[in-house]
């Protein structure tokens, strides 16, 4: 749905046929607010890109490479300049428990990664040696952020139909909230969160079915 359609649906839900309490500009702002919130919660926009590794350097600033990212989901490394391998996810607490002195460990072939949203850091362990330092040696899969729509003909990129309907609920909730109609706002927010939850359940179910299909598949048919 484009912005015009989203706005018209929200306006009808708010009980208006033409702009009276809520201007088009006001609802347009709410639509973008809704887009940012739904994408943050659903992590529905997928992207990937590359980071160049440096010898003896464990940590890299993620936003320098992916300015609008929300979360890292997978990391692959071109190990020893020969083979792409998926790195295992870890975190600093686990490394402290399982690899005492990990920060001062010798460099080598990275086999684990960690990331911290607040610190804007992606780290690998162990630190790469010279053979594992190179241009675009890390491929990072991540959830990307929402891009504001600025035209009535624009659609919220990467947002499914179900989540677009959730955006309408969010706009309605904000509209009611600005007028002090708390009960109506709460009802719209409940519908919003229900659609987000339904989307996440459906996505997780599909992923589980895909994973089970891979596990159950006869290796001779792979």
Protein backbone atom coordinates (compact mmCIF):
# COMPACT_ATOMS: atom_id res chain seq x y z
CA UNK A 1 0.00 0.00 0.00
CA UNK A 2 1.23 3.47 -0.75
CA UNK A 3 1.15 6.36 1.72
CA UNK A 4 -2.14 7.69 0.39
CA UNK A 5 -3.84 4.34 0.99
CA UNK A 6 -2.36 4.00 4.47
CA UNK A 7 -3.44 7.50 5.39
CA UNK A 8 -6.97 7.04 4.05
CA UNK A 9 -7.42 3.79 5.98
CA UNK A 10 -6.20 5.44 9.17
CA UNK A 11 -8.43 8.48 8.65
CA UNK A 12 -11.52 6.30 8.17
CA UNK A 13 -10.64 4.36 11.32
CA UNK A 14 -10.42 7.70 13.11
CA UNK A 15 -13.91 8.57 11.93
CA UNK A 16 -13.03 11.15 9.30
CA UNK A 17 -13.71 11.30 5.58
CA UNK A 18 -11.78 14.53 5.08
CA UNK A 19 -9.13 16.29 7.16
CA UNK A 20 -10.76 17.86 10.22
CA UNK A 21 -8.93 17.01 13.44
CA UNK A 22 -5.86 15.51 11.74
CA UNK A 23 -4.10 17.11 8.78
CA UNK A 24 -2.51 15.03 6.03
CA UNK A 25 0.95 16.18 7.17
CA UNK A 26 0.22 15.07 10.71
CA UNK A 27 -0.90 11.60 9.62
CA UNK A 28 2.05 11.36 7.24
CA UNK A 29 4.39 11.91 10.17
CA UNK A 30 2.54 9.23 12.14
CA UNK A 31 2.93 6.82 9.21
CA UNK A 32 6.70 7.23 9.31
CA UNK A 33 6.68 6.90 13.10
CA UNK A 34 4.75 3.66 12.62
CA UNK A 35 7.21 2.44 10.01
CA UNK A 36 10.19 2.94 12.29
CA UNK A 37 8.46 1.21 15.19
CA UNK A 38 7.19 -1.79 13.24
CA UNK A 39 10.54 -2.38 11.53
CA UNK A 40 12.39 -2.08 14.84
CA UNK A 41 10.11 -4.65 16.46
CA UNK A 42 9.74 -7.07 13.54
CA UNK A 43 13.28 -6.82 12.09
CA UNK A 44 11.61 -7.44 8.73
CA UNK A 45 13.99 -5.66 6.34
CA UNK A 46 16.94 -7.90 5.49
CA UNK A 47 20.24 -6.80 3.98
CA UNK A 48 23.86 -7.79 3.86
CA UNK A 49 27.22 -6.20 3.18
CA UNK A 50 30.93 -6.49 3.78
CA UNK A 51 33.53 -5.36 6.30
CA UNK A 52 37.25 -5.25 5.65
CA UNK A 53 39.29 -6.99 8.35
CA UNK A 54 42.60 -5.69 9.67
CA UNK A 55 45.33 -7.82 11.20
CA UNK A 56 45.40 -7.77 15.02
CA UNK A 57 42.12 -5.81 15.09
CA UNK A 58 39.18 -7.53 16.77
CA UNK A 59 36.46 -4.86 16.74
CA UNK A 60 34.87 -2.79 13.97
CA UNK A 61 32.34 0.05 13.97
CA UNK A 62 29.22 -1.36 12.35
CA UNK A 63 27.55 1.91 11.39
CA UNK A 64 30.61 2.90 9.38
CA UNK A 65 29.63 0.11 7.02
CA UNK A 66 25.84 -0.16 7.51
CA UNK A 67 24.52 3.21 8.60
CA UNK A 68 20.88 2.19 9.09
CA UNK A 69 21.28 -1.29 10.61
CA UNK A 70 19.20 -2.52 13.55
CA UNK A 71 20.63 -5.95 14.37
CA UNK A 72 23.27 -8.37 13.13
CA UNK A 73 21.84 -11.81 12.32
CA UNK A 74 24.67 -13.78 10.69
CA UNK A 75 28.36 -13.32 9.92
CA UNK A 76 30.50 -15.21 7.41
CA UNK A 77 34.26 -14.98 6.97
CA UNK A 78 36.55 -15.65 4.06
CA UNK A 79 38.95 -17.75 6.10
CA UNK A 80 42.57 -18.13 5.06
CA UNK A 81 41.63 -16.45 1.78
CA UNK A 82 40.16 -19.75 0.57
CA UNK A 83 36.77 -20.63 2.10
CA UNK A 84 33.68 -18.83 3.36
CA UNK A 85 32.64 -20.09 6.80
CA UNK A 86 29.79 -19.05 9.04
CA UNK A 87 31.05 -17.73 12.37
CA UNK A 88 29.44 -18.81 15.64
CA UNK A 89 27.75 -16.07 17.64
CA UNK A 90 29.03 -15.36 21.13
CA UNK A 91 29.23 -12.42 23.54
CA UNK A 92 31.81 -10.89 25.84
CA UNK A 93 30.45 -12.58 28.96
CA UNK A 94 30.71 -16.00 27.35
CA UNK A 95 34.21 -15.27 26.09
CA UNK A 96 35.26 -14.24 29.61
CA UNK A 97 33.96 -17.55 30.95
CA UNK A 98 35.15 -19.85 28.21
CA UNK A 99 38.29 -18.05 27.01
CA UNK A 100 40.05 -16.44 30.01
CA UNK A 101 42.38 -13.72 28.80
CA UNK A 102 40.61 -13.65 25.45
CA UNK A 103 41.34 -9.98 24.81
CA UNK A 104 45.08 -10.62 24.86
CA UNK A 105 44.95 -13.95 23.01
CA UNK A 106 47.17 -14.47 19.97
CA UNK A 107 45.74 -13.61 16.59
CA UNK A 108 44.60 -16.42 14.33
CA UNK A 109 41.60 -17.56 12.30
CA UNK A 110 38.40 -15.97 13.66
CA UNK A 111 35.64 -18.50 14.35
CA UNK A 112 33.27 -16.48 16.57
CA UNK A 113 31.69 -13.05 16.45
CA UNK A 114 29.85 -10.77 18.86
CA UNK A 115 28.09 -7.47 18.44
CA UNK A 116 26.77 -4.70 20.67
CA UNK A 117 24.10 -2.32 19.39
CA UNK A 118 24.69 0.37 22.00
CA UNK A 119 28.45 0.38 21.47
CA UNK A 120 28.05 0.04 17.70
CA UNK A 121 30.66 -2.72 17.65
CA UNK A 122 31.11 -5.97 15.75
CA UNK A 123 33.93 -8.11 17.13
CA UNK A 124 35.59 -11.33 16.03
CA UNK A 125 37.55 -13.88 18.05
CA UNK A 126 40.36 -14.51 17.81
CA UNK A 127 41.76 -11.39 16.20
CA UNK A 128 42.57 -12.02 12.54
CA UNK A 129 46.13 -12.78 11.58
CA UNK A 130 47.65 -11.39 8.38
CA UNK A 131 46.26 -14.25 6.29
CA UNK A 132 42.74 -13.44 7.50
CA UNK A 133 42.97 -9.70 7.02
CA UNK A 134 41.63 -8.38 3.75
CA UNK A 135 39.09 -6.36 1.84
CA UNK A 136 35.51 -7.58 2.35
CA UNK A 137 36.60 -10.64 4.35
CA UNK A 138 33.53 -10.38 6.60
CA UNK A 139 30.05 -10.72 5.11
CA UNK A 140 27.44 -9.45 7.54
CA UNK A 141 23.73 -10.23 7.30
CA UNK A 142 21.61 -7.77 9.23
CA UNK A 143 18.18 -6.29 9.83
CA UNK A 144 18.05 -2.87 8.24
CA UNK A 145 16.13 0.16 9.41
CA UNK A 146 13.07 1.87 7.94
CA UNK A 147 13.40 4.63 5.34
CA UNK A 148 10.89 7.47 5.59
CA UNK A 149 8.43 7.76 2.73
CA UNK A 150 7.95 11.28 1.41
CA UNK A 151 5.42 10.90 -1.40
CA UNK A 152 1.83 9.67 -1.50
CA UNK A 153 2.84 7.20 -4.20
CA UNK A 154 5.65 5.71 -2.08
CA UNK A 155 5.22 2.39 -0.31
CA UNK A 156 7.02 1.36 2.91
CA UNK A 157 9.87 -0.66 1.41
CA UNK A 158 10.37 -4.14 2.82
CA UNK A 159 7.22 -4.03 4.97
CA UNK A 160 4.74 -6.85 4.34
CA UNK A 161 0.99 -6.30 3.94
CA UNK A 162 0.28 -7.56 7.46
CA UNK A 163 2.79 -5.14 8.93
CA UNK A 164 1.41 -2.31 6.81
CA UNK A 165 -1.97 -2.96 8.42
CA UNK A 166 -0.21 -2.85 11.77
CA UNK A 167 1.17 0.57 10.77
CA UNK A 168 -2.42 1.74 10.27
CA UNK A 169 -3.26 0.61 13.83
CA UNK A 170 -0.26 2.56 15.12
CA UNK A 171 -1.32 5.72 13.29
CA UNK A 172 -4.86 5.39 14.65
CA UNK A 173 -3.50 4.91 18.17
CA UNK A 174 -1.35 8.04 17.93
CA UNK A 175 -4.26 9.99 16.51
CA UNK A 176 -6.55 9.05 19.38
CA UNK A 177 -3.77 9.66 21.87
CA UNK A 178 -3.21 13.23 20.66
CA UNK A 179 -6.88 13.96 21.35
CA UNK A 180 -6.78 12.45 24.81
CA UNK A 181 -8.95 9.46 23.92
CA UNK A 182 -6.99 6.96 25.97
CA UNK A 183 -9.33 3.98 25.75
CA UNK A 184 -9.55 4.14 21.96
CA UNK A 185 -5.77 4.61 21.71
CA UNK A 186 -5.16 1.59 23.92
CA UNK A 187 -7.50 -0.54 21.81
CA UNK A 188 -5.65 0.45 18.63
CA UNK A 189 -2.29 -0.28 20.25
CA UNK A 190 -3.53 -3.74 21.27
CA UNK A 191 -4.45 -4.46 17.66
CA UNK A 192 -1.03 -3.18 16.60
CA UNK A 193 0.90 -5.43 18.97
CA UNK A 194 -1.27 -8.42 18.10
CA UNK A 195 -0.41 -8.06 14.40
CA UNK A 196 3.32 -7.76 15.23
CA UNK A 197 3.11 -10.91 17.35
CA UNK A 198 1.18 -12.76 14.65
CA UNK A 199 3.80 -11.81 12.06
CA UNK A 200 6.66 -13.01 14.27
CA UNK A 201 4.91 -16.31 15.05
CA UNK A 202 4.22 -16.95 11.35
CA UNK A 203 7.82 -16.13 10.42
CA UNK A 204 9.26 -18.35 13.14
CA UNK A 205 6.96 -21.19 12.11
CA UNK A 206 8.02 -20.90 8.48
CA UNK A 207 11.68 -20.85 9.49
CA UNK A 208 11.22 -23.91 11.70
CA UNK A 209 9.51 -25.79 8.88
CA UNK A 210 12.33 -24.85 6.51
CA UNK A 211 14.94 -26.00 9.02
CA UNK A 212 13.11 -29.27 9.63
CA UNK A 213 12.86 -29.83 5.90
CA UNK A 214 16.61 -29.43 5.57
CA UNK A 215 17.25 -31.83 8.47
CA UNK A 216 14.80 -34.45 7.22
CA UNK A 217 15.94 -34.28 3.60
CA UNK A 218 17.81 -37.37 2.42
CA UNK A 219 21.44 -36.41 1.98
CA UNK A 220 21.49 -38.10 -1.45
CA UNK A 221 18.90 -35.58 -2.66
CA UNK A 222 20.64 -32.46 -1.37
